[in-house]
């Protein structure tokens, strides 16, 4: 996504990434982003948000510490009572990170549904966020998606680009030119994809290494992105200089795949 938008000139390397949540999705999103060269500026839970105050951001060791806290069903407030960690974070009680991070390049909602509101979407744009991809199901509210899609159309190549997670709604009897779909189903497909890879290993009585699984997952996610991108170009042609709508592309691609499967199975009318 970043490579496409930058014409291959940029990657995650050097990007400041705001993440919400502190469960499995958030933890592994943070570790992967760090592996790719990004700096993690936030994590959160149901009680509040931690913001990194050091230039290095949240480290893999700190993600591991947080993972251990969560296994013990403890809150992020525990960090603030630790002499080792409290000087490295600012804790904001009862808040999500989106309105509080001072500089964000990439936002990864990874906690729960509707966790990015219209106001928070506008705040992300204000601090320079260029990419938002949902790790959580329906992470952005419909109003937030409206803000992102409006910005995409108005600001063209300078806009924020939104990549949807799972769940979708497409109205019946829609016209292509009027299609304004809700959340799509691509950015957080990795969990389901790895479940499929687990099934493949089990059925063949083999075991792949973590590196092999990661490489296969990378290919699957790249294919997801390209499918949504090319479908968007086909059905909702972007204006000159405008990023294709990954919301529309992912929704239509998903709908088309289900319809084709139904047709192949004779479930058609």
Protein backbone atom coordinates (compact mmCIF):
# COMPACT_ATOMS: atom_id res chain seq x y z
CA UNK A 1 0.00 0.00 0.00
CA UNK A 2 2.78 2.40 0.99
CA UNK A 3 4.92 1.25 -1.93
CA UNK A 4 2.06 1.71 -4.40
CA UNK A 5 1.20 5.18 -3.11
CA UNK A 6 4.84 6.31 -3.23
CA UNK A 7 5.66 4.75 -6.58
CA UNK A 8 7.98 2.27 -4.86
CA UNK A 9 10.02 4.97 -3.12
CA UNK A 10 8.79 4.38 0.44
CA UNK A 11 8.15 1.47 2.82
CA UNK A 12 7.35 1.14 6.52
CA UNK A 13 10.96 2.08 7.26
CA UNK A 14 11.07 5.33 9.21
CA UNK A 15 7.29 5.61 9.57
CA UNK A 16 5.62 6.52 12.87
CA UNK A 17 2.82 4.06 13.52
CA UNK A 18 -0.08 4.55 15.95
CA UNK A 19 -1.72 1.30 17.06
CA UNK A 20 -4.76 0.82 19.27
CA UNK A 21 -5.33 -2.26 21.37
CA UNK A 22 -2.79 -4.46 23.15
CA UNK A 23 -4.07 -7.96 22.43
CA UNK A 24 -2.81 -10.42 19.83
CA UNK A 25 -3.65 -8.27 16.81
CA UNK A 26 -2.02 -5.14 18.22
CA UNK A 27 1.02 -7.01 19.56
CA UNK A 28 1.84 -8.73 16.27
CA UNK A 29 1.04 -5.62 14.23
CA UNK A 30 3.55 -3.75 16.37
CA UNK A 31 6.22 -6.44 16.07
CA UNK A 32 5.81 -6.70 12.29
CA UNK A 33 5.93 -2.91 11.87
CA UNK A 34 9.08 -2.75 14.01
CA UNK A 35 10.61 -5.56 11.94
CA UNK A 36 9.93 -3.48 8.83
CA UNK A 37 11.66 -0.45 10.31
CA UNK A 38 8.77 1.55 11.76
CA UNK A 39 8.50 3.28 15.14
CA UNK A 40 5.47 2.41 17.29
CA UNK A 41 4.11 5.45 19.09
CA UNK A 42 1.06 4.02 20.88
CA UNK A 43 -0.88 1.06 22.23
CA UNK A 44 -4.09 1.03 24.25
CA UNK A 45 -6.63 -1.02 26.16
CA UNK A 46 -10.14 -0.51 27.51
CA UNK A 47 -8.86 1.76 30.29
CA UNK A 48 -6.63 4.11 28.33
CA UNK A 49 -3.68 4.73 26.01
CA UNK A 50 0.09 4.73 26.34
CA UNK A 51 2.14 7.07 24.15
CA UNK A 52 5.86 6.50 23.73
CA UNK A 53 7.91 9.49 24.88
CA UNK A 54 11.29 8.25 23.63
CA UNK A 55 12.44 8.53 19.99
CA UNK A 56 12.78 4.73 19.69
CA UNK A 57 9.08 4.26 20.43
CA UNK A 58 7.69 1.04 21.87
CA UNK A 59 10.31 -1.70 21.59
CA UNK A 60 9.86 -5.45 21.00
CA UNK A 61 10.88 -6.04 24.63
CA UNK A 62 8.13 -3.71 25.80
CA UNK A 63 5.60 -5.42 23.54
CA UNK A 64 6.63 -8.72 25.15
CA UNK A 65 6.20 -7.18 28.62
CA UNK A 66 2.73 -5.94 27.66
CA UNK A 67 1.84 -9.37 26.26
CA UNK A 68 2.74 -10.89 29.62
CA UNK A 69 0.56 -8.32 31.40
CA UNK A 70 -2.38 -9.26 29.19
CA UNK A 71 -1.93 -12.98 29.84
CA UNK A 72 -2.25 -12.10 33.52
CA UNK A 73 -5.37 -10.03 32.70
CA UNK A 74 -3.73 -6.79 33.81
CA UNK A 75 -4.12 -3.29 32.39
CA UNK A 76 -1.56 -0.98 30.77
CA UNK A 77 -1.65 1.14 33.93
CA UNK A 78 0.75 -1.47 35.35
CA UNK A 79 3.44 0.03 33.12
CA UNK A 80 3.18 3.33 34.94
CA UNK A 81 3.94 1.69 38.27
CA UNK A 82 7.07 0.04 36.88
CA UNK A 83 10.31 1.94 37.50
CA UNK A 84 11.74 0.39 34.33
CA UNK A 85 8.94 1.54 32.04
CA UNK A 86 7.08 4.52 33.50
CA UNK A 87 9.59 7.11 32.28
CA UNK A 88 9.18 5.89 28.69
CA UNK A 89 5.43 6.43 28.37
CA UNK A 90 2.68 8.96 28.83
CA UNK A 91 -0.59 7.40 29.99
CA UNK A 92 -3.93 8.96 28.99
CA UNK A 93 -6.82 7.53 30.94
CA UNK A 94 -10.07 6.70 29.15
CA UNK A 95 -8.82 7.71 25.72
CA UNK A 96 -7.85 6.10 22.42
CA UNK A 97 -4.60 7.20 20.76
CA UNK A 98 -5.97 8.89 17.65
CA UNK A 99 -6.37 12.43 19.03
CA UNK A 100 -3.23 12.39 21.15
CA UNK A 101 -0.32 11.22 18.98
CA UNK A 102 1.59 14.29 17.79
CA UNK A 103 2.90 12.84 14.52
CA UNK A 104 1.54 9.76 12.77
CA UNK A 105 2.29 8.35 9.33
CA UNK A 106 0.32 5.10 9.65
CA UNK A 107 -2.67 4.24 11.87
CA UNK A 108 -3.57 0.61 12.64
CA UNK A 109 -6.84 0.27 14.60
CA UNK A 110 -6.42 -3.13 16.25
CA UNK A 111 -8.76 -3.13 19.24
CA UNK A 112 -12.49 -3.25 18.50
CA UNK A 113 -15.24 -2.08 16.17
CA UNK A 114 -16.09 1.59 15.61
CA UNK A 115 -12.97 2.67 17.48
CA UNK A 116 -12.19 5.53 15.10
CA UNK A 117 -14.88 8.21 15.15
CA UNK A 118 -15.45 11.07 12.73
CA UNK A 119 -13.64 13.47 15.07
CA UNK A 120 -10.73 11.06 15.48
CA UNK A 121 -10.50 10.56 11.71
CA UNK A 122 -10.16 14.30 11.28
CA UNK A 123 -7.52 14.38 14.03
CA UNK A 124 -5.46 11.72 12.24
CA UNK A 125 -5.55 13.70 9.02
CA UNK A 126 -4.53 16.84 10.92
CA UNK A 127 -1.34 15.21 12.28
CA UNK A 128 -0.32 14.02 8.82
CA UNK A 129 -1.46 10.40 8.78
CA UNK A 130 -1.26 9.03 5.23
CA UNK A 131 -2.35 5.42 5.67
CA UNK A 132 -4.93 3.70 7.85
CA UNK A 133 -5.52 -0.06 7.75
CA UNK A 134 -7.94 -1.90 10.01
CA UNK A 135 -6.61 -4.77 12.09
CA UNK A 136 -9.88 -4.90 14.02
CA UNK A 137 -13.20 -5.83 12.42
CA UNK A 138 -15.09 -2.68 11.43
CA UNK A 139 -12.47 -0.57 13.22
CA UNK A 140 -13.65 2.72 11.72
CA UNK A 141 -17.16 4.09 12.09
CA UNK A 142 -19.10 4.84 8.91
CA UNK A 143 -18.64 8.55 9.63
CA UNK A 144 -14.87 8.09 9.88
CA UNK A 145 -14.80 6.20 6.58
CA UNK A 146 -16.73 9.06 5.05
CA UNK A 147 -14.04 11.48 6.23
CA UNK A 148 -11.25 9.33 4.78
CA UNK A 149 -12.99 8.77 1.46
CA UNK A 150 -13.83 12.46 1.10
CA UNK A 151 -10.19 13.36 1.79
CA UNK A 152 -9.05 10.76 -0.74
CA UNK A 153 -11.18 12.37 -3.43
CA UNK A 154 -10.33 15.96 -2.57
CA UNK A 155 -6.59 15.72 -1.85
CA UNK A 156 -5.70 13.07 -4.42
CA UNK A 157 -2.06 11.90 -3.97
CA UNK A 158 -1.69 13.94 -0.78
CA UNK A 159 -4.67 12.25 0.88
CA UNK A 160 -4.95 9.67 3.60
CA UNK A 161 -5.63 6.19 2.12
CA UNK A 162 -7.95 3.85 3.96
CA UNK A 163 -7.71 0.03 3.82
CA UNK A 164 -10.74 -1.77 5.27
CA UNK A 165 -10.89 -4.78 7.57
CA UNK A 166 -13.73 -7.33 7.66
CA UNK A 167 -17.53 -7.00 7.36
CA UNK A 168 -19.42 -5.29 4.61
CA UNK A 169 -22.75 -3.96 3.48
CA UNK A 170 -23.70 -3.43 -0.14
CA UNK A 171 -27.25 -2.21 -0.81
CA UNK A 172 -29.46 -4.08 -3.26
CA UNK A 173 -30.13 -2.49 -6.64
CA UNK A 174 -27.08 -0.22 -6.34
CA UNK A 175 -25.64 1.62 -9.31
CA UNK A 176 -21.89 1.38 -9.77
CA UNK A 177 -21.46 5.13 -9.95
CA UNK A 178 -23.42 5.63 -6.73
CA UNK A 179 -21.80 2.86 -4.72
CA UNK A 180 -20.61 4.06 -1.31
CA UNK A 181 -20.03 0.80 0.52
CA UNK A 182 -19.35 0.36 4.21
CA UNK A 183 -16.38 -1.51 5.67
CA UNK A 184 -14.66 -3.96 3.36
CA UNK A 185 -12.79 -7.17 4.04
CA UNK A 186 -9.12 -7.20 3.19
CA UNK A 187 -6.66 -5.52 5.55
CA UNK A 188 -7.15 -7.91 8.47
CA UNK A 189 -7.60 -11.13 6.49
CA UNK A 190 -4.28 -12.45 7.80
CA UNK A 191 -5.80 -14.36 10.71
CA UNK A 192 -8.16 -16.30 8.49
CA UNK A 193 -5.38 -16.81 5.96
CA UNK A 194 -3.07 -18.38 8.55
CA UNK A 195 -5.91 -20.61 9.73
CA UNK A 196 -6.10 -21.86 6.14
CA UNK A 197 -2.35 -22.45 6.12
CA UNK A 198 -2.69 -24.42 9.36
CA UNK A 199 -5.39 -26.57 7.77
CA UNK A 200 -3.15 -27.17 4.75
CA UNK A 201 -0.32 -28.35 6.98
CA UNK A 202 -2.60 -30.58 9.03
CA UNK A 203 -4.15 -32.24 5.99
CA UNK A 204 -0.72 -32.97 4.49
CA UNK A 205 0.81 -34.02 7.83
CA UNK A 206 3.65 -31.53 7.41
CA UNK A 207 4.97 -28.57 9.39
CA UNK A 208 6.23 -25.33 7.87
CA UNK A 209 8.67 -23.06 9.67
CA UNK A 210 7.52 -19.68 10.96
CA UNK A 211 9.46 -18.07 8.10
CA UNK A 212 7.66 -20.20 5.50
CA UNK A 213 4.26 -19.34 6.96
CA UNK A 214 5.18 -15.65 7.07
CA UNK A 215 6.27 -15.70 3.40
CA UNK A 216 3.07 -17.46 2.32
CA UNK A 217 1.02 -14.97 4.33
CA UNK A 218 2.85 -12.08 2.70
CA UNK A 219 1.93 -13.46 -0.74
CA UNK A 220 -1.72 -13.87 0.30
CA UNK A 221 -1.99 -10.33 1.69
CA UNK A 222 -0.27 -8.86 -1.37
CA UNK A 223 -2.78 -10.72 -3.53
CA UNK A 224 -5.65 -9.34 -1.39
CA UNK A 225 -4.39 -5.81 -1.86
CA UNK A 226 -3.92 -6.19 -5.61
CA UNK A 227 -7.35 -7.77 -5.99
CA UNK A 228 -9.06 -4.90 -4.16
CA UNK A 229 -6.97 -2.33 -6.02
CA UNK A 230 -7.60 -3.70 -9.51
CA UNK A 231 -11.31 -4.27 -8.80
CA UNK A 232 -11.61 -0.67 -7.64
CA UNK A 233 -9.98 0.53 -10.85
CA UNK A 234 -12.38 -1.60 -12.91
CA UNK A 235 -15.66 -0.67 -11.23
CA UNK A 236 -15.06 2.74 -9.62
CA UNK A 237 -12.64 4.51 -11.89
CA UNK A 238 -10.62 7.05 -9.87
CA UNK A 239 -10.15 10.61 -11.05
CA UNK A 240 -6.72 11.62 -12.33
CA UNK A 241 -4.19 11.57 -9.49
CA UNK A 242 -6.65 9.97 -7.08
CA UNK A 243 -5.96 6.77 -5.14
CA UNK A 244 -8.44 3.98 -6.02
CA UNK A 245 -11.07 3.32 -3.35
CA UNK A 246 -9.99 0.19 -1.48
CA UNK A 247 -13.36 0.25 0.29
CA UNK A 248 -15.27 -0.18 -2.96
CA UNK A 249 -12.69 -2.49 -4.51
CA UNK A 250 -12.55 -4.88 -1.56
CA UNK A 251 -16.32 -4.98 -1.16
CA UNK A 252 -16.99 -5.63 -4.83
CA UNK A 253 -14.21 -8.22 -5.09
CA UNK A 254 -15.61 -10.06 -2.07
CA UNK A 255 -19.16 -9.94 -3.39
CA UNK A 256 -18.05 -11.13 -6.83
CA UNK A 257 -16.14 -14.08 -5.36
CA UNK A 258 -19.15 -15.24 -3.31
CA UNK A 259 -21.49 -14.80 -6.29
CA UNK A 260 -19.16 -16.81 -8.54
CA UNK A 261 -18.95 -19.61 -5.95
CA UNK A 262 -22.74 -19.70 -5.62
CA UNK A 263 -23.10 -19.87 -9.38
CA UNK A 264 -20.54 -22.68 -9.63
CA UNK A 265 -22.42 -24.69 -7.01
CA UNK A 266 -25.74 -24.19 -8.76
CA UNK A 267 -27.10 -21.94 -6.00
CA UNK A 268 -28.42 -19.40 -8.48
CA UNK A 269 -31.69 -17.91 -9.57
